[in-house]
């Protein structure tokens, strides 16, 4: 009797007949024809996006197979693939280039704002002065 190959662990979620993933001990393993081709920590979302986009671009699976198997948004998979095509691996692991400000209410400002609120006055002029 001859075994039909490829063989996958029983916990494997198959994208198609030759490619799937399974999780073991906090690590996600990607298998092609039963052989590991990639891995990352379960909590590492950037690595997940990178691996999925690269496997789609390599033709190991399709976007629709990923969406139906992992129950993720088609838009998120489409964005990951677009990022991978445009910027490669750096899109997922480079530092964030967005420039923004974090507006914090320091204790002194918070006291002044609370005092104006207690008086029933608007705090908008006070906050505009700080900006």
Protein backbone atom coordinates (compact mmCIF):
# COMPACT_ATOMS: atom_id res chain seq x y z
CA UNK A 1 0.00 0.00 0.00
CA UNK A 2 1.36 3.42 -0.98
CA UNK A 3 0.77 6.54 1.08
CA UNK A 4 -0.61 9.60 -0.62
CA UNK A 5 1.67 12.59 -0.17
CA UNK A 6 1.88 15.28 1.13
CA UNK A 7 1.28 14.45 4.79
CA UNK A 8 0.20 17.20 7.18
CA UNK A 9 -0.34 17.19 10.96
CA UNK A 10 -4.02 16.76 11.79
CA UNK A 11 -4.23 20.30 13.29
CA UNK A 12 -3.23 21.88 9.97
CA UNK A 13 -5.55 24.44 8.42
CA UNK A 14 -5.18 23.86 4.70
CA UNK A 15 -5.38 26.74 2.26
CA UNK A 16 -5.28 24.27 -0.63
CA UNK A 17 -4.14 20.69 -1.18
CA UNK A 18 -0.43 21.50 -0.82
CA UNK A 19 -0.18 24.51 1.50
CA UNK A 20 -1.37 25.09 5.06
CA UNK A 21 -0.49 26.30 8.54
CA UNK A 22 -0.67 24.99 12.06
CA UNK A 23 0.12 26.36 15.50
CA UNK A 24 2.16 24.58 18.13
CA UNK A 25 3.42 26.02 21.41
CA UNK A 26 2.83 29.66 20.53
CA UNK A 27 4.48 29.39 17.12
CA UNK A 28 2.72 29.33 13.74
CA UNK A 29 4.28 27.04 11.14
CA UNK A 30 3.57 27.26 7.40
CA UNK A 31 3.81 23.97 5.50
CA UNK A 32 4.18 23.35 1.77
CA UNK A 33 3.82 19.70 0.75
CA UNK A 34 4.23 18.78 4.40
CA UNK A 35 7.56 20.61 4.80
CA UNK A 36 7.96 23.78 6.90
CA UNK A 37 8.58 26.89 4.80
CA UNK A 38 8.13 29.60 7.43
CA UNK A 39 7.25 30.34 11.02
CA UNK A 40 6.55 33.19 13.43
CA UNK A 41 5.17 33.81 16.92
CA UNK A 42 1.39 33.74 17.23
CA UNK A 43 1.34 37.32 18.56
CA UNK A 44 3.63 38.77 15.85
CA UNK A 45 1.07 40.37 13.52
CA UNK A 46 3.63 42.05 11.27
CA UNK A 47 5.33 38.72 10.57
CA UNK A 48 1.92 37.17 9.86
CA UNK A 49 1.12 39.89 7.32
CA UNK A 50 4.57 39.57 5.74
CA UNK A 51 4.44 35.77 5.46
CA UNK A 52 0.92 35.69 4.05
CA UNK A 53 1.68 38.40 1.47
CA UNK A 54 4.90 36.70 0.39
CA UNK A 55 3.23 33.28 0.05
CA UNK A 56 0.44 34.82 -2.03
CA UNK A 57 2.97 36.57 -4.27
CA UNK A 58 4.91 33.29 -4.64
CA UNK A 59 1.73 31.58 -5.77
CA UNK A 60 1.52 29.09 -2.91
CA UNK A 61 -2.01 30.26 -2.12
CA UNK A 62 -4.52 32.85 -3.26
CA UNK A 63 -6.05 35.79 -1.42
CA UNK A 64 -9.47 34.13 -1.44
CA UNK A 65 -8.02 30.92 0.07
CA UNK A 66 -6.46 32.92 2.92
CA UNK A 67 -9.69 34.84 3.54
CA UNK A 68 -11.83 31.71 3.63
CA UNK A 69 -9.40 29.64 5.70
CA UNK A 70 -8.40 32.22 8.32
CA UNK A 71 -11.65 34.26 8.31
CA UNK A 72 -9.83 37.57 7.88
CA UNK A 73 -10.96 40.63 5.97
CA UNK A 74 -10.37 40.56 2.20
CA UNK A 75 -9.38 44.23 2.38
CA UNK A 76 -6.65 43.58 4.94
CA UNK A 77 -5.15 40.81 2.79
CA UNK A 78 -5.35 43.02 -0.30
CA UNK A 79 -3.57 45.87 1.56
CA UNK A 80 -0.83 43.52 2.80
CA UNK A 81 -0.21 42.23 -0.73
CA UNK A 82 -0.12 45.76 -2.12
CA UNK A 83 2.37 46.84 0.56
CA UNK A 84 4.53 43.80 -0.16
CA UNK A 85 4.56 44.47 -3.92
CA UNK A 86 5.39 48.16 -3.46
CA UNK A 87 7.90 48.15 -0.61
CA UNK A 88 8.86 44.52 -0.02
CA UNK A 89 9.77 43.26 3.41
CA UNK A 90 10.58 46.75 4.69
CA UNK A 91 6.88 47.66 4.62
CA UNK A 92 6.23 45.31 7.54
CA UNK A 93 9.34 45.77 9.68
CA UNK A 94 10.49 49.37 9.14
CA UNK A 95 9.82 51.97 11.84
CA UNK A 96 6.54 53.81 11.54
CA UNK A 97 6.99 56.92 9.37
CA UNK A 98 3.78 58.63 10.39
CA UNK A 99 4.32 61.94 12.11
CA UNK A 100 1.77 62.89 14.67
CA UNK A 101 1.50 64.51 18.04
CA UNK A 102 0.29 62.94 21.19
CA UNK A 103 -1.73 65.52 23.06
CA UNK A 104 -1.41 64.94 26.77
CA UNK A 105 -3.13 66.73 29.57
CA UNK A 106 -0.36 67.41 32.07
CA UNK A 107 -1.43 67.79 35.71
CA UNK A 108 -1.14 71.60 35.72
CA UNK A 109 -3.23 71.95 32.55
CA UNK A 110 -5.71 69.38 33.81
CA UNK A 111 -6.29 71.43 36.99
CA UNK A 112 -6.92 74.62 34.99
CA UNK A 113 -9.29 72.83 32.63
CA UNK A 114 -11.18 71.24 35.51
CA UNK A 115 -11.47 74.61 37.27
CA UNK A 116 -12.99 76.19 34.14
CA UNK A 117 -15.39 73.27 33.76
CA UNK A 118 -16.43 73.61 37.40
CA UNK A 119 -17.18 77.31 36.74
CA UNK A 120 -19.31 76.30 33.76
CA UNK A 121 -17.02 78.00 31.25
CA UNK A 122 -15.78 76.72 27.93
CA UNK A 123 -12.28 75.21 27.85
CA UNK A 124 -11.80 75.65 24.11
CA UNK A 125 -9.96 79.03 24.37
CA UNK A 126 -7.67 77.59 27.04
CA UNK A 127 -6.85 74.55 24.93
CA UNK A 128 -6.29 76.63 21.78
CA UNK A 129 -3.81 78.76 23.70
CA UNK A 130 -1.83 75.59 24.54
CA UNK A 131 -1.79 74.34 20.93
